Amino acid sequence: MLDHRHSAFLDTFLTYHEKRELRLARCGTCHEILPYSQRLCQAHPTSELEWVKASGRARLHAFTEYRISYAPAHPVPYVVAMVELEEGPRLVSTIVSESGHELQAGAELKADFDDDDRLIFVHTC
């Protein structure tokens, strides 16, 4: 039988995203923050999840800069990166950096939403 929590996870994440809020799933029993790829707490798989607001602070883990446009929504150059949230989970997102500021692994980032309501991370220098 398919566990309803798998599809509910994405629905809940997207509901908060529509409100321009970055939220994290946390086990209701042990309060462990779950990675975005994990839908259940490994120690407490029957526990309900709580959704807590993320600090929005992150560090740049890895990135690549695209110089070819694959979609009108992403004019070149643009940066796609793996970011590690202060709370631990990693996710892939677009990075916005002021012109002239060179990105490097470990750089401090802050979550934000662009004019099209996409989650982005801003290089805080």
N, C-alpha and C. Protein backbone atom coordinates (compact mmCIF):
# COMPACT_ATOMS: atom_id res chain seq x y z
N MET A 1 0.85 -1.19 0.00
CA MET A 1 0.00 0.00 0.00
C MET A 1 0.89 1.25 0.00
N LEU A 2 0.56 2.22 -0.83
CA LEU A 2 1.30 3.46 -0.93
C LEU A 2 1.00 4.34 0.27
N ASP A 3 2.05 4.83 0.91
CA ASP A 3 1.91 5.70 2.07
C ASP A 3 1.55 7.11 1.59
N HIS A 4 0.44 7.67 2.06
CA HIS A 4 0.00 8.99 1.62
C HIS A 4 0.99 10.09 1.97
N ARG A 5 1.88 9.84 2.91
CA ARG A 5 2.83 10.87 3.34
C ARG A 5 3.84 11.22 2.26
N HIS A 6 4.10 10.30 1.32
CA HIS A 6 5.05 10.59 0.25
C HIS A 6 4.54 11.74 -0.62
N SER A 7 3.31 11.68 -1.08
CA SER A 7 2.77 12.75 -1.92
C SER A 7 2.41 13.97 -1.07
N ALA A 8 2.02 13.76 0.17
CA ALA A 8 1.69 14.88 1.05
C ALA A 8 2.93 15.73 1.33
N PHE A 9 4.10 15.12 1.35
CA PHE A 9 5.34 15.85 1.60
C PHE A 9 5.52 16.94 0.54
N LEU A 10 5.45 16.56 -0.72
CA LEU A 10 5.62 17.52 -1.80
C LEU A 10 4.50 18.56 -1.79
N ASP A 11 3.28 18.14 -1.57
CA ASP A 11 2.15 19.08 -1.51
C ASP A 11 2.37 20.12 -0.42
N THR A 12 2.83 19.67 0.74
CA THR A 12 3.06 20.60 1.86
C THR A 12 4.19 21.56 1.54
N PHE A 13 5.29 21.03 1.00
CA PHE A 13 6.42 21.88 0.62
C PHE A 13 5.97 22.96 -0.36
N LEU A 14 5.21 22.57 -1.38
CA LEU A 14 4.75 23.52 -2.39
C LEU A 14 3.76 24.53 -1.85
N THR A 15 2.93 24.12 -0.90
CA THR A 15 1.99 25.05 -0.26
C THR A 15 2.75 26.18 0.44
N TYR A 16 3.81 25.82 1.17
CA TYR A 16 4.62 26.85 1.81
C TYR A 16 5.39 27.68 0.78
N HIS A 17 5.85 27.03 -0.28
CA HIS A 17 6.56 27.74 -1.33
C HIS A 17 5.67 28.82 -1.95
N GLU A 18 4.41 28.49 -2.18
CA GLU A 18 3.47 29.47 -2.73
C GLU A 18 3.31 30.67 -1.81
N LYS A 19 3.54 30.48 -0.53
CA LYS A 19 3.47 31.57 0.45
C LYS A 19 4.83 32.26 0.60
N ARG A 20 5.81 31.84 -0.24
CA ARG A 20 7.17 32.38 -0.20
C ARG A 20 7.83 32.09 1.14
N GLU A 21 7.63 30.88 1.63
CA GLU A 21 8.25 30.44 2.88
C GLU A 21 9.07 29.17 2.61
N LEU A 22 10.30 29.16 3.08
CA LEU A 22 11.12 27.97 3.00
C LEU A 22 10.96 27.21 4.31
N ARG A 23 10.41 26.02 4.21
CA ARG A 23 10.13 25.20 5.39
C ARG A 23 10.90 23.89 5.32
N LEU A 24 11.12 23.30 6.49
CA LEU A 24 11.82 22.03 6.63
C LEU A 24 10.94 21.04 7.35
N ALA A 25 10.99 19.80 6.89
CA ALA A 25 10.24 18.73 7.57
C ALA A 25 11.06 18.24 8.76
N ARG A 26 10.39 18.07 9.88
CA ARG A 26 11.04 17.62 11.11
C ARG A 26 10.21 16.51 11.73
N CYS A 27 10.88 15.48 12.21
CA CYS A 27 10.20 14.36 12.86
C CYS A 27 9.48 14.88 14.10
N GLY A 28 8.21 14.50 14.23
CA GLY A 28 7.43 14.93 15.39
C GLY A 28 7.83 14.24 16.68
N THR A 29 8.60 13.16 16.59
CA THR A 29 9.03 12.43 17.79
C THR A 29 10.41 12.86 18.27
N CYS A 30 11.42 12.76 17.38
CA CYS A 30 12.79 13.07 17.80
C CYS A 30 13.25 14.46 17.37
N HIS A 31 12.45 15.16 16.58
CA HIS A 31 12.71 16.53 16.11
C HIS A 31 13.91 16.64 15.18
N GLU A 32 14.30 15.52 14.56
CA GLU A 32 15.38 15.52 13.57
C GLU A 32 14.87 16.18 12.29
N ILE A 33 15.67 17.11 11.73
CA ILE A 33 15.34 17.73 10.45
C ILE A 33 15.65 16.71 9.35
N LEU A 34 14.70 16.51 8.44
CA LEU A 34 14.89 15.53 7.38
C LEU A 34 15.48 16.18 6.13
N PRO A 35 16.35 15.46 5.42
CA PRO A 35 16.78 15.94 4.11
C PRO A 35 15.56 15.98 3.18
N TYR A 36 15.61 16.83 2.15
CA TYR A 36 14.46 16.94 1.25
C TYR A 36 14.18 15.64 0.50
N SER A 37 15.17 14.79 0.36
CA SER A 37 14.97 13.52 -0.34
C SER A 37 14.36 12.44 0.56
N GLN A 38 14.23 12.73 1.82
CA GLN A 38 13.71 11.75 2.78
C GLN A 38 12.30 12.13 3.21
N ARG A 39 11.38 11.20 3.15
CA ARG A 39 9.97 11.50 3.45
C ARG A 39 9.54 11.04 4.84
N LEU A 40 10.33 10.17 5.44
CA LEU A 40 10.00 9.63 6.76
C LEU A 40 11.25 9.64 7.63
N CYS A 41 11.08 9.79 8.91
CA CYS A 41 12.19 9.67 9.85
C CYS A 41 12.60 8.20 9.91
N GLN A 42 13.88 7.92 9.74
CA GLN A 42 14.34 6.54 9.75
C GLN A 42 14.16 5.90 11.13
N ALA A 43 14.31 6.68 12.19
CA ALA A 43 14.16 6.15 13.54
C ALA A 43 12.70 6.01 13.96
N HIS A 44 11.82 6.85 13.38
CA HIS A 44 10.40 6.87 13.76
C HIS A 44 9.53 6.96 12.51
N PRO A 45 9.49 5.91 11.69
CA PRO A 45 8.79 5.98 10.41
C PRO A 45 7.28 6.20 10.51
N THR A 46 6.69 5.99 11.66
CA THR A 46 5.25 6.21 11.80
C THR A 46 4.93 7.59 12.38
N SER A 47 5.95 8.34 12.71
CA SER A 47 5.75 9.67 13.30
C SER A 47 5.27 10.66 12.25
N GLU A 48 4.39 11.55 12.64
CA GLU A 48 3.95 12.64 11.77
C GLU A 48 5.08 13.67 11.65
N LEU A 49 5.10 14.37 10.54
CA LEU A 49 6.10 15.40 10.33
C LEU A 49 5.56 16.76 10.75
N GLU A 50 6.47 17.58 11.26
CA GLU A 50 6.18 18.98 11.56
C GLU A 50 6.93 19.80 10.52
N TRP A 51 6.38 20.92 10.12
CA TRP A 51 7.04 21.79 9.15
C TRP A 51 7.48 23.06 9.85
N VAL A 52 8.79 23.25 9.97
CA VAL A 52 9.34 24.41 10.67
C VAL A 52 9.97 25.36 9.68
N LYS A 53 9.91 26.63 10.00
CA LYS A 53 10.46 27.65 9.12
C LYS A 53 11.99 27.58 9.14
N ALA A 54 12.59 27.58 7.97
CA ALA A 54 14.04 27.58 7.85
C ALA A 54 14.58 28.98 8.12
N SER A 55 15.81 29.04 8.61
CA SER A 55 16.43 30.33 8.87
C SER A 55 16.68 31.10 7.57
N GLY A 56 16.84 30.36 6.47
CA GLY A 56 17.16 30.98 5.19
C GLY A 56 18.64 31.14 4.95
N ARG A 57 19.44 30.91 5.98
CA ARG A 57 20.89 31.00 5.83
C ARG A 57 21.44 29.69 5.28
N ALA A 58 22.42 29.82 4.40
CA ALA A 58 22.98 28.63 3.75
C ALA A 58 24.42 28.90 3.35
N ARG A 59 25.09 27.82 2.98
CA ARG A 59 26.46 27.91 2.44
C ARG A 59 26.48 27.23 1.08
N LEU A 60 27.27 27.78 0.20
CA LEU A 60 27.44 27.23 -1.13
C LEU A 60 28.28 25.96 -1.03
N HIS A 61 27.71 24.86 -1.49
CA HIS A 61 28.43 23.58 -1.43
C HIS A 61 29.16 23.33 -2.75
N ALA A 62 28.48 23.47 -3.87
CA ALA A 62 29.07 23.28 -5.20
C ALA A 62 28.22 24.06 -6.20
N PHE A 63 28.81 24.44 -7.33
CA PHE A 63 28.04 25.21 -8.30
C PHE A 63 28.63 25.06 -9.70
N THR A 64 27.82 25.45 -10.67
CA THR A 64 28.27 25.56 -12.04
C THR A 64 27.63 26.79 -12.66
N GLU A 65 28.34 27.44 -13.55
CA GLU A 65 27.81 28.62 -14.23
C GLU A 65 27.49 28.26 -15.68
N TYR A 66 26.24 28.47 -16.05
CA TYR A 66 25.80 28.19 -17.42
C TYR A 66 25.99 29.43 -18.28
N ARG A 67 26.54 29.23 -19.47
CA ARG A 67 26.75 30.33 -20.41
C ARG A 67 25.95 30.12 -21.69
N ILE A 68 25.08 29.08 -21.67
CA ILE A 68 24.16 28.82 -22.77
C ILE A 68 22.76 28.83 -22.18
N SER A 69 21.84 29.56 -22.79
CA SER A 69 20.48 29.64 -22.28
C SER A 69 19.66 28.44 -22.75
N TYR A 70 19.09 27.74 -21.78
CA TYR A 70 18.24 26.60 -22.09
C TYR A 70 16.76 26.93 -21.92
N ALA A 71 16.47 28.10 -21.35
CA ALA A 71 15.08 28.53 -21.16
C ALA A 71 15.06 30.05 -21.01
N PRO A 72 14.02 30.70 -21.52
CA PRO A 72 13.93 32.16 -21.40
C PRO A 72 13.96 32.65 -19.95
N ALA A 73 13.52 31.82 -19.03
CA ALA A 73 13.50 32.21 -17.62
C ALA A 73 14.89 32.33 -17.02
N HIS A 74 15.89 31.81 -17.74
CA HIS A 74 17.26 31.82 -17.22
C HIS A 74 18.22 32.47 -18.23
N PRO A 75 18.27 33.81 -18.25
CA PRO A 75 19.21 34.46 -19.15
C PRO A 75 20.65 34.17 -18.68
N VAL A 76 21.56 34.08 -19.61
CA VAL A 76 22.94 33.76 -19.27
C VAL A 76 23.71 35.01 -18.87
N PRO A 77 24.75 34.86 -18.11
CA PRO A 77 25.10 33.63 -17.41
C PRO A 77 24.23 33.46 -16.16
N TYR A 78 24.01 32.21 -15.76
CA TYR A 78 23.31 31.95 -14.52
C TYR A 78 23.97 30.79 -13.79
N VAL A 79 23.81 30.79 -12.48
CA VAL A 79 24.50 29.83 -11.63
C VAL A 79 23.49 28.89 -10.99
N VAL A 80 23.74 27.60 -11.14
CA VAL A 80 22.96 26.56 -10.47
C VAL A 80 23.88 25.93 -9.44
N ALA A 81 23.35 25.73 -8.24
CA ALA A 81 24.22 25.27 -7.16
C ALA A 81 23.53 24.30 -6.21
N MET A 82 24.36 23.55 -5.53
CA MET A 82 23.94 22.74 -4.39
C MET A 82 24.26 23.60 -3.17
N VAL A 83 23.22 23.93 -2.42
CA VAL A 83 23.41 24.74 -1.21
C VAL A 83 23.08 23.89 0.01
N GLU A 84 23.79 24.16 1.08
CA GLU A 84 23.54 23.47 2.35
C GLU A 84 22.93 24.46 3.32
N LEU A 85 21.69 24.19 3.69
CA LEU A 85 21.00 25.07 4.63
C LEU A 85 21.67 24.99 6.00
N GLU A 86 21.57 26.05 6.76
CA GLU A 86 22.13 26.09 8.11
C GLU A 86 21.64 24.91 8.96
N GLU A 87 20.41 24.48 8.71
CA GLU A 87 19.82 23.39 9.47
C GLU A 87 20.29 22.01 9.01
N GLY A 88 21.03 21.95 7.89
CA GLY A 88 21.59 20.68 7.44
C GLY A 88 21.20 20.19 6.06
N PRO A 89 19.91 20.22 5.69
CA PRO A 89 19.55 19.70 4.37
C PRO A 89 20.21 20.47 3.22
N ARG A 90 20.43 19.75 2.13
CA ARG A 90 20.96 20.36 0.90
C ARG A 90 19.87 20.37 -0.15
N LEU A 91 19.94 21.37 -1.02
CA LEU A 91 19.02 21.44 -2.16
C LEU A 91 19.68 22.16 -3.31
N VAL A 92 19.12 21.99 -4.49
CA VAL A 92 19.65 22.62 -5.70
C VAL A 92 18.81 23.87 -5.98
N SER A 93 19.48 24.95 -6.31
CA SER A 93 18.78 26.20 -6.58
C SER A 93 19.63 27.08 -7.48
N THR A 94 19.07 28.21 -7.85
CA THR A 94 19.79 29.24 -8.60
C THR A 94 20.43 30.21 -7.62
N ILE A 95 21.62 30.68 -7.95
CA ILE A 95 22.33 31.64 -7.11
C ILE A 95 22.35 32.99 -7.82
N VAL A 96 22.08 34.05 -7.07
CA VAL A 96 22.17 35.40 -7.58
C VAL A 96 23.32 36.08 -6.84
N SER A 97 24.23 36.64 -7.61
CA SER A 97 25.39 37.31 -7.02
C SER A 97 25.57 38.65 -7.70
N GLU A 98 25.95 39.65 -6.92
CA GLU A 98 26.20 40.96 -7.52
C GLU A 98 27.37 40.85 -8.48
N SER A 99 27.30 41.61 -9.53
CA SER A 99 28.35 41.59 -10.54
C SER A 99 29.69 41.90 -9.90
N GLY A 100 30.69 41.12 -10.27
CA GLY A 100 32.03 41.35 -9.75
C GLY A 100 32.36 40.53 -8.52
N HIS A 101 31.37 39.91 -7.88
CA HIS A 101 31.63 39.09 -6.71
C HIS A 101 31.80 37.65 -7.16
N GLU A 102 32.99 37.13 -6.95
CA GLU A 102 33.27 35.76 -7.37
C GLU A 102 32.75 34.77 -6.36
N LEU A 103 32.07 33.75 -6.84
CA LEU A 103 31.54 32.70 -5.97
C LEU A 103 32.63 31.67 -5.69
N GLN A 104 32.56 31.10 -4.50
CA GLN A 104 33.43 29.99 -4.15
C GLN A 104 32.72 29.12 -3.13
N ALA A 105 33.10 27.85 -3.10
CA ALA A 105 32.50 26.92 -2.14
C ALA A 105 32.67 27.48 -0.74
N GLY A 106 31.62 27.35 0.06
CA GLY A 106 31.64 27.87 1.43
C GLY A 106 31.07 29.27 1.56
N ALA A 107 30.80 29.94 0.44
CA ALA A 107 30.26 31.31 0.48
C ALA A 107 28.92 31.33 1.21
N GLU A 108 28.67 32.40 1.94
CA GLU A 108 27.41 32.57 2.66
C GLU A 108 26.31 33.00 1.71
N LEU A 109 25.13 32.39 1.88
CA LEU A 109 23.97 32.66 1.04
C LEU A 109 22.76 32.92 1.89
N LYS A 110 21.76 33.55 1.30
CA LYS A 110 20.48 33.80 1.97
C LYS A 110 19.36 33.45 1.01
N ALA A 111 18.38 32.69 1.49
CA ALA A 111 17.23 32.30 0.66
C ALA A 111 16.35 33.51 0.38
N ASP A 112 15.78 33.52 -0.80
CA ASP A 112 14.85 34.57 -1.21
C ASP A 112 13.97 33.99 -2.31
N PHE A 113 13.02 34.77 -2.77
CA PHE A 113 12.18 34.38 -3.90
C PHE A 113 12.27 35.48 -4.94
N ASP A 114 12.40 35.09 -6.21
CA ASP A 114 12.50 36.10 -7.26
C ASP A 114 11.10 36.60 -7.65
N ASP A 115 11.06 37.47 -8.65
CA ASP A 115 9.79 38.07 -9.07
C ASP A 115 8.80 37.06 -9.63
N ASP A 116 9.30 35.90 -10.04
CA ASP A 116 8.45 34.82 -10.55
C ASP A 116 8.17 33.76 -9.48
N ASP A 117 8.43 34.11 -8.22
CA ASP A 117 8.19 33.24 -7.06
C ASP A 117 9.04 31.97 -7.05
N ARG A 118 10.18 32.00 -7.72
CA ARG A 118 11.11 30.86 -7.65
C ARG A 118 12.05 31.06 -6.47
N LEU A 119 12.34 29.96 -5.77
CA LEU A 119 13.31 29.99 -4.69
C LEU A 119 14.70 30.21 -5.27
N ILE A 120 15.41 31.22 -4.77
CA ILE A 120 16.77 31.49 -5.18
C ILE A 120 17.60 31.71 -3.92
N PHE A 121 18.89 31.73 -4.08
CA PHE A 121 19.78 32.08 -2.98
C PHE A 121 20.66 33.24 -3.43
N VAL A 122 20.82 34.20 -2.54
CA VAL A 122 21.56 35.41 -2.84
C VAL A 122 22.91 35.33 -2.11
N HIS A 123 23.97 35.62 -2.86
CA HIS A 123 25.31 35.64 -2.29
C HIS A 123 25.41 36.86 -1.37
N THR A 124 25.68 36.63 -0.09
CA THR A 124 25.68 37.73 0.88
C THR A 124 27.04 38.38 1.07
N CYS A 125 28.04 37.90 0.33
CA CYS A 125 29.40 38.45 0.37
C CYS A 125 29.95 38.36 1.75
